[in-house]
Amino acid sequence: MGRRKRKKVVYRRVRAVPKIFTCPKCGHKTMKANMKYSDDKALIECGHCGEQQVVPKNEISEPVDAFGSFIDIYYKDQEYERLTRREEILKEKQQYSELALVYSFLSDNAQINADKALEEFEKYNDPKDLENAERWKETAKQYKENEKRLLEQLKAGLIVDAELEENIYDEQEMNPFGEEQDIPSEKPKKRANIEEILGDPGFLEF
């Protein structure tokens, strides 16, 4: 009886994922940065404007951080749009208790945008960021005042929620999968290729 042949173990080299760099001059996020390390500093050449900068290593983000920020911004904007649409529906249907709650969420969202714009101003000293911070701060204040006014009127009995005979939200909002498909399809989806994601020139433009 012959000896069983041992399976040869092959070690594959793990592909290094490129770093993401935010240029201090133009603010462009790029993967095409040439980096030279020295102690705790890094010499960076921006792939967008060509500017060379010596920056601390901790200013160079890992790709997962950049992608995570992209996702946070994308869904935060979606949530803000959804809440503003719901605000109009609740006003029309006279659902003041839920409207006050929506105003609270909108105020928090606007305040986060104001804080983010202020951070950008402190980092890049761009007057537009300061204008955005002031605008979002005023928006947050207005939403908070609307919430306070509604709660006071509800407590005093000056306004009451109207009775509803049907669902006030449309089917698209209640069922994100559409009319003909109540549950996600069991068919497996094609997995995204990491090179396709990294190669998309517009993916990191946020």
C-alpha atoms as a PDB file:
ATOM      1  CA  MET A   1       0.000   0.000   0.000  1.00  0.00           C
ATOM      2  CA  GLY A   2       1.497   3.277  -1.109  1.00  0.00           C
ATOM      3  CA  ARG A   3       1.981   6.298   1.098  1.00  0.00           C
ATOM      4  CA  ARG A   4      -0.634   8.992   0.947  1.00  0.00           C
ATOM      5  CA  LYS A   5       0.611  12.075  -0.850  1.00  0.00           C
ATOM      6  CA  ARG A   6       0.690  15.143   1.375  1.00  0.00           C
ATOM      7  CA  LYS A   7      -1.041  18.235   0.120  1.00  0.00           C
ATOM      8  CA  LYS A   8       1.376  21.043  -0.562  1.00  0.00           C
ATOM      9  CA  VAL A   9       0.628  24.221   1.368  1.00  0.00           C
ATOM     10  CA  VAL A  10       0.822  27.301  -0.842  1.00  0.00           C
ATOM     11  CA  TYR A  11       1.080  30.684   0.835  1.00  0.00           C
ATOM     12  CA  ARG A  12      -0.506  33.455  -1.189  1.00  0.00           C
ATOM     13  CA  ARG A  13       0.685  37.002  -0.841  1.00  0.00           C
ATOM     14  CA  VAL A  14      -2.016  39.301   0.522  1.00  0.00           C
ATOM     15  CA  ARG A  15      -2.584  42.264  -1.772  1.00  0.00           C
ATOM     16  CA  ALA A  16      -1.887  45.559  -0.029  1.00  0.00           C
ATOM     17  CA  VAL A  17      -4.877  47.867  -0.203  1.00  0.00           C
ATOM     18  CA  PRO A  18      -3.872  51.474  -1.039  1.00  0.00           C
ATOM     19  CA  LYS A  19      -4.057  54.197   1.562  1.00  0.00           C
ATOM     20  CA  ILE A  20      -6.479  57.103   1.320  1.00  0.00           C
ATOM     21  CA  PHE A  21      -5.111  60.622   1.639  1.00  0.00           C
ATOM     22  CA  THR A  22      -6.959  63.932   2.071  1.00  0.00           C
ATOM     23  CA  CYS A  23      -4.874  66.720   0.550  1.00  0.00           C
ATOM     24  CA  PRO A  24      -4.413  69.674   2.990  1.00  0.00           C
ATOM     25  CA  LYS A  25      -4.377  72.097   0.027  1.00  0.00           C
ATOM     26  CA  CYS A  26      -7.259  71.049  -2.269  1.00  0.00           C
ATOM     27  CA  GLY A  27      -9.154  68.728   0.115  1.00  0.00           C
ATOM     28  CA  HIS A  28      -9.304  65.999  -2.546  1.00  0.00           C
ATOM     29  CA  LYS A  29      -9.453  62.394  -1.354  1.00  0.00           C
ATOM     30  CA  THR A  30      -7.196  60.224  -3.443  1.00  0.00           C
ATOM     31  CA  MET A  31      -5.652  56.776  -3.552  1.00  0.00           C
ATOM     32  CA  LYS A  32      -2.938  57.888  -5.985  1.00  0.00           C
ATOM     33  CA  ALA A  33      -0.666  59.455  -3.387  1.00  0.00           C
ATOM     34  CA  ASN A  34       3.082  58.815  -3.446  1.00  0.00           C
ATOM     35  CA  MET A  35       4.218  58.402   0.143  1.00  0.00           C
ATOM     36  CA  LYS A  36       7.694  58.389   1.664  1.00  0.00           C
ATOM     37  CA  TYR A  37       7.901  57.675   5.379  1.00  0.00           C
ATOM     38  CA  SER A  38      10.406  59.119   7.814  1.00  0.00           C
ATOM     39  CA  ASP A  39       9.964  58.556  11.548  1.00  0.00           C
ATOM     40  CA  ASP A  40       6.443  59.824  12.360  1.00  0.00           C
ATOM     41  CA  LYS A  41       6.177  61.969   9.220  1.00  0.00           C
ATOM     42  CA  ALA A  42       5.202  61.187   5.635  1.00  0.00           C
ATOM     43  CA  LEU A  43       5.989  63.059   2.411  1.00  0.00           C
ATOM     44  CA  ILE A  44       2.820  63.096   0.309  1.00  0.00           C
ATOM     45  CA  GLU A  45       2.288  64.064  -3.309  1.00  0.00           C
ATOM     46  CA  CYS A  46      -1.409  64.622  -4.030  1.00  0.00           C
ATOM     47  CA  GLY A  47      -2.650  62.688  -7.040  1.00  0.00           C
ATOM     48  CA  HIS A  48      -5.103  65.490  -7.856  1.00  0.00           C
ATOM     49  CA  CYS A  49      -3.231  68.817  -7.619  1.00  0.00           C
ATOM     50  CA  GLY A  50       0.348  67.548  -7.377  1.00  0.00           C
ATOM     51  CA  GLU A  51       1.021  69.442  -4.156  1.00  0.00           C
ATOM     52  CA  GLN A  52       3.720  67.950  -1.927  1.00  0.00           C
ATOM     53  CA  GLN A  53       3.214  68.069   1.816  1.00  0.00           C
ATOM     54  CA  VAL A  54       4.939  66.645   4.888  1.00  0.00           C
ATOM     55  CA  VAL A  55       2.205  65.461   7.229  1.00  0.00           C
ATOM     56  CA  PRO A  56       1.928  63.272  10.342  1.00  0.00           C
ATOM     57  CA  LYS A  57       1.332  59.615   9.569  1.00  0.00           C
ATOM     58  CA  ASN A  58      -1.930  59.616  11.509  1.00  0.00           C
ATOM     59  CA  GLU A  59      -3.464  61.984   8.917  1.00  0.00           C
ATOM     60  CA  ILE A  60      -3.354  59.177   6.349  1.00  0.00           C
ATOM     61  CA  SER A  61      -6.583  57.199   6.648  1.00  0.00           C
ATOM     62  CA  GLU A  62      -7.020  53.514   6.109  1.00  0.00           C
ATOM     63  CA  PRO A  63      -9.377  52.700   3.218  1.00  0.00           C
ATOM     64  CA  VAL A  64     -11.937  51.189   5.569  1.00  0.00           C
ATOM     65  CA  ASP A  65     -12.147  54.531   7.405  1.00  0.00           C
ATOM     66  CA  ALA A  66     -12.749  56.401   4.160  1.00  0.00           C
ATOM     67  CA  PHE A  67     -15.390  53.932   2.979  1.00  0.00           C
ATOM     68  CA  GLY A  68     -17.071  54.057   6.384  1.00  0.00           C
ATOM     69  CA  SER A  69     -17.212  57.868   6.232  1.00  0.00           C
ATOM     70  CA  PHE A  70     -18.709  57.647   2.745  1.00  0.00           C
ATOM     71  CA  ILE A  71     -21.437  55.297   3.970  1.00  0.00           C
ATOM     72  CA  ASP A  72     -22.186  57.470   7.017  1.00  0.00           C
ATOM     73  CA  ILE A  73     -22.529  60.601   4.886  1.00  0.00           C
ATOM     74  CA  TYR A  74     -24.642  58.825   2.258  1.00  0.00           C
ATOM     75  CA  TYR A  75     -27.158  57.422   4.716  1.00  0.00           C
ATOM     76  CA  LYS A  76     -27.206  60.565   6.861  1.00  0.00           C
ATOM     77  CA  ASP A  77     -28.296  62.604   3.825  1.00  0.00           C
ATOM     78  CA  GLN A  78     -30.881  59.952   2.962  1.00  0.00           C
ATOM     79  CA  GLU A  79     -32.277  60.087   6.497  1.00  0.00           C
ATOM     80  CA  TYR A  80     -32.507  63.883   6.415  1.00  0.00           C
ATOM     81  CA  GLU A  81     -34.460  63.801   3.134  1.00  0.00           C
ATOM     82  CA  ARG A  82     -36.767  61.077   4.476  1.00  0.00           C
ATOM     83  CA  LEU A  83     -37.502  63.087   7.635  1.00  0.00           C
ATOM     84  CA  THR A  84     -38.253  66.295   5.704  1.00  0.00           C
ATOM     85  CA  ARG A  85     -40.713  64.362   3.522  1.00  0.00           C
ATOM     86  CA  ARG A  86     -42.331  62.882   6.620  1.00  0.00           C
ATOM     87  CA  GLU A  87     -42.575  66.366   8.141  1.00  0.00           C
ATOM     88  CA  GLU A  88     -44.812  67.499   5.258  1.00  0.00           C
ATOM     89  CA  ILE A  89     -47.012  64.372   5.538  1.00  0.00           C
ATOM     90  CA  LEU A  90     -47.466  64.782   9.304  1.00  0.00           C
ATOM     91  CA  LYS A  91     -48.359  68.464   8.922  1.00  0.00           C
ATOM     92  CA  GLU A  92     -50.997  67.630   6.330  1.00  0.00           C
ATOM     93  CA  LYS A  93     -52.470  64.798   8.438  1.00  0.00           C
ATOM     94  CA  GLN A  94     -52.258  66.855  11.674  1.00  0.00           C
ATOM     95  CA  GLN A  95     -50.166  64.276  13.547  1.00  0.00           C
ATOM     96  CA  TYR A  96     -48.514  66.768  15.889  1.00  0.00           C
ATOM     97  CA  SER A  97     -47.088  64.353  18.478  1.00  0.00           C
ATOM     98  CA  GLU A  98     -45.058  62.455  15.862  1.00  0.00           C
ATOM     99  CA  LEU A  99     -44.207  65.732  14.108  1.00  0.00           C
ATOM    100  CA  ALA A 100     -42.572  67.002  17.321  1.00  0.00           C
ATOM    101  CA  LEU A 101     -40.446  63.844  17.391  1.00  0.00           C
ATOM    102  CA  VAL A 102     -39.454  64.363  13.751  1.00  0.00           C
ATOM    103  CA  TYR A 103     -38.420  67.938  14.574  1.00  0.00           C
ATOM    104  CA  SER A 104     -36.194  66.562  17.349  1.00  0.00           C
ATOM    105  CA  PHE A 105     -34.471  64.187  14.912  1.00  0.00           C
ATOM    106  CA  LEU A 106     -34.073  66.931  12.299  1.00  0.00           C
ATOM    107  CA  SER A 107     -32.566  69.258  14.889  1.00  0.00           C
ATOM    108  CA  ASP A 108     -30.017  66.631  15.930  1.00  0.00           C
ATOM    109  CA  ASN A 109     -29.150  65.910  12.293  1.00  0.00           C
ATOM    110  CA  ALA A 110     -28.677  69.614  11.494  1.00  0.00           C
ATOM    111  CA  GLN A 111     -26.498  70.087  14.589  1.00  0.00           C
ATOM    112  CA  ILE A 112     -24.248  67.206  13.477  1.00  0.00           C
ATOM    113  CA  ASN A 113     -23.894  68.879  10.071  1.00  0.00           C
ATOM    114  CA  ALA A 114     -23.036  72.173  11.783  1.00  0.00           C
ATOM    115  CA  ASP A 115     -20.344  70.549  13.934  1.00  0.00           C
ATOM    116  CA  LYS A 116     -18.883  68.763  10.906  1.00  0.00           C
ATOM    117  CA  ALA A 117     -18.754  71.983   8.856  1.00  0.00           C
ATOM    118  CA  LEU A 118     -17.058  73.778  11.772  1.00  0.00           C
ATOM    119  CA  GLU A 119     -14.420  71.020  11.964  1.00  0.00           C
ATOM    120  CA  GLU A 120     -13.772  71.446   8.228  1.00  0.00           C
ATOM    121  CA  PHE A 121     -13.377  75.216   8.707  1.00  0.00           C
ATOM    122  CA  GLU A 122     -10.873  74.755  11.534  1.00  0.00           C
ATOM    123  CA  LYS A 123      -8.935  72.285   9.398  1.00  0.00           C
ATOM    124  CA  TYR A 124      -8.910  74.070   6.014  1.00  0.00           C
ATOM    125  CA  ASN A 125      -9.897  77.660   6.983  1.00  0.00           C
ATOM    126  CA  ASP A 126     -12.377  77.867   4.097  1.00  0.00           C
ATOM    127  CA  PRO A 127     -15.031  80.627   4.630  1.00  0.00           C
ATOM    128  CA  LYS A 128     -17.632  78.462   2.875  1.00  0.00           C
ATOM    129  CA  ASP A 129     -17.345  75.867   5.647  1.00  0.00           C
ATOM    130  CA  LEU A 130     -17.998  78.569   8.261  1.00  0.00           C
ATOM    131  CA  GLU A 131     -21.071  79.735   6.304  1.00  0.00           C
ATOM    132  CA  ASN A 132     -22.347  76.157   6.176  1.00  0.00           C
ATOM    133  CA  ALA A 133     -21.760  75.757   9.922  1.00  0.00           C
ATOM    134  CA  GLU A 134     -23.757  78.906  10.699  1.00  0.00           C
ATOM    135  CA  ARG A 135     -26.540  77.892   8.313  1.00  0.00           C
ATOM    136  CA  TRP A 136     -26.885  74.397   9.814  1.00  0.00           C
ATOM    137  CA  LYS A 137     -26.696  75.811  13.340  1.00  0.00           C
ATOM    138  CA  GLU A 138     -29.592  78.173  12.589  1.00  0.00           C
ATOM    139  CA  THR A 139     -31.543  75.307  10.997  1.00  0.00           C
ATOM    140  CA  ALA A 140     -31.030  73.139  14.102  1.00  0.00           C
ATOM    141  CA  LYS A 141     -32.212  76.010  16.311  1.00  0.00           C
ATOM    142  CA  GLN A 142     -35.367  76.482  14.218  1.00  0.00           C
ATOM    143  CA  TYR A 143     -36.260  72.784  14.358  1.00  0.00           C
ATOM    144  CA  LYS A 144     -35.742  72.752  18.136  1.00  0.00           C
ATOM    145  CA  GLU A 145     -38.034  75.768  18.526  1.00  0.00           C
ATOM    146  CA  ASN A 146     -40.687  74.055  16.373  1.00  0.00           C
ATOM    147  CA  GLU A 147     -40.481  70.967  18.582  1.00  0.00           C
ATOM    148  CA  LYS A 148     -40.792  73.028  21.773  1.00  0.00           C
ATOM    149  CA  ARG A 149     -43.758  75.013  20.389  1.00  0.00           C
ATOM    150  CA  LEU A 150     -45.672  71.868  19.377  1.00  0.00           C
ATOM    151  CA  LEU A 151     -45.092  70.140  22.724  1.00  0.00           C
ATOM    152  CA  GLU A 152     -46.307  73.221  24.622  1.00  0.00           C
ATOM    153  CA  GLN A 153     -49.447  73.465  22.470  1.00  0.00           C
ATOM    154  CA  LEU A 154     -50.162  69.748  22.872  1.00  0.00           C
ATOM    155  CA  LYS A 155     -49.744  69.953  26.639  1.00  0.00           C
ATOM    156  CA  ALA A 156     -52.082  72.972  26.834  1.00  0.00           C
ATOM    157  CA  GLY A 157     -54.687  71.228  24.694  1.00  0.00           C
ATOM    158  CA  LEU A 158     -54.555  73.896  21.985  1.00  0.00           C
ATOM    159  CA  ILE A 159     -53.966  71.234  19.331  1.00  0.00           C
ATOM    160  CA  VAL A 160     -54.714  67.501  19.210  1.00  0.00           C
ATOM    161  CA  ASP A 161     -53.734  64.709  16.850  1.00  0.00           C
ATOM    162  CA  ALA A 162     -56.329  63.973  14.189  1.00  0.00           C
ATOM    163  CA  GLU A 163     -57.820  60.474  14.012  1.00  0.00           C
ATOM    164  CA  LEU A 164     -56.554  58.369  11.130  1.00  0.00           C
ATOM    165  CA  GLU A 165     -58.584  55.928   9.089  1.00  0.00           C
ATOM    166  CA  GLU A 166     -55.695  54.640   6.981  1.00  0.00           C
ATOM    167  CA  ASN A 167     -51.930  54.473   6.834  1.00  0.00           C
ATOM    168  CA  ILE A 168     -50.500  57.953   6.201  1.00  0.00           C
ATOM    169  CA  TYR A 169     -47.282  56.657   4.601  1.00  0.00           C
ATOM    170  CA  ASP A 170     -47.055  55.463   1.028  1.00  0.00           C
ATOM    171  CA  GLU A 171     -46.211  51.854   0.161  1.00  0.00           C
ATOM    172  CA  GLN A 172     -42.751  52.744  -1.102  1.00  0.00           C
ATOM    173  CA  GLU A 173     -41.709  54.037   2.326  1.00  0.00           C
ATOM    174  CA  MET A 174     -43.296  51.129   4.183  1.00  0.00           C
ATOM    175  CA  ASN A 175     -42.026  48.456   1.772  1.00  0.00           C
ATOM    176  CA  PRO A 176     -38.548  49.238   0.381  1.00  0.00           C
ATOM    177  CA  PHE A 177     -38.614  46.046  -1.729  1.00  0.00           C
ATOM    178  CA  GLY A 178     -41.423  47.256  -4.029  1.00  0.00           C
ATOM    179  CA  GLU A 179     -44.984  46.135  -4.669  1.00  0.00           C
ATOM    180  CA  GLU A 180     -44.290  42.743  -6.242  1.00  0.00           C
ATOM    181  CA  GLN A 181     -41.555  41.609  -3.878  1.00  0.00           C
ATOM    182  CA  ASP A 182     -42.252  41.664  -0.149  1.00  0.00           C
ATOM    183  CA  ILE A 183     -39.015  39.940   0.838  1.00  0.00           C
ATOM    184  CA  PRO A 184     -35.491  40.040  -0.558  1.00  0.00           C
ATOM    185  CA  SER A 185     -34.764  37.621  -3.372  1.00  0.00           C
ATOM    186  CA  GLU A 186     -33.113  34.333  -2.410  1.00  0.00           C
ATOM    187  CA  LYS A 187     -30.935  34.496  -5.522  1.00  0.00           C
ATOM    188  CA  PRO A 188     -27.373  35.304  -4.456  1.00  0.00           C
ATOM    189  CA  LYS A 189     -26.090  38.637  -5.648  1.00  0.00           C
ATOM    190  CA  LYS A 190     -22.828  39.069  -7.499  1.00  0.00           C
ATOM    191  CA  ARG A 191     -20.085  40.025  -5.081  1.00  0.00           C
ATOM    192  CA  ALA A 192     -18.409  43.345  -5.752  1.00  0.00           C
ATOM    193  CA  ASN A 193     -14.801  43.139  -6.815  1.00  0.00           C
ATOM    194  CA  ILE A 194     -12.510  45.206  -4.549  1.00  0.00           C
ATOM    195  CA  GLU A 195     -10.614  46.435  -7.611  1.00  0.00           C
ATOM    196  CA  GLU A 196     -13.853  47.678  -9.174  1.00  0.00           C
ATOM    197  CA  ILE A 197     -14.662  49.579  -5.983  1.00  0.00           C
ATOM    198  CA  LEU A 198     -11.209  51.105  -5.646  1.00  0.00           C
ATOM    199  CA  GLY A 199     -11.102  51.887  -9.355  1.00  0.00           C
ATOM    200  CA  ASP A 200     -14.308  53.897  -9.354  1.00  0.00           C
ATOM    201  CA  PRO A 201     -13.119  57.537  -9.700  1.00  0.00           C
ATOM    202  CA  GLY A 202     -16.290  58.950  -8.148  1.00  0.00           C
ATOM    203  CA  PHE A 203     -16.557  56.642  -5.153  1.00  0.00           C
ATOM    204  CA  LEU A 204     -14.441  58.779  -2.840  1.00  0.00           C
ATOM    205  CA  GLU A 205     -15.725  62.155  -4.038  1.00  0.00           C
ATOM    206  CA  PHE A 206     -17.594  63.125  -0.893  1.00  0.00           C
END
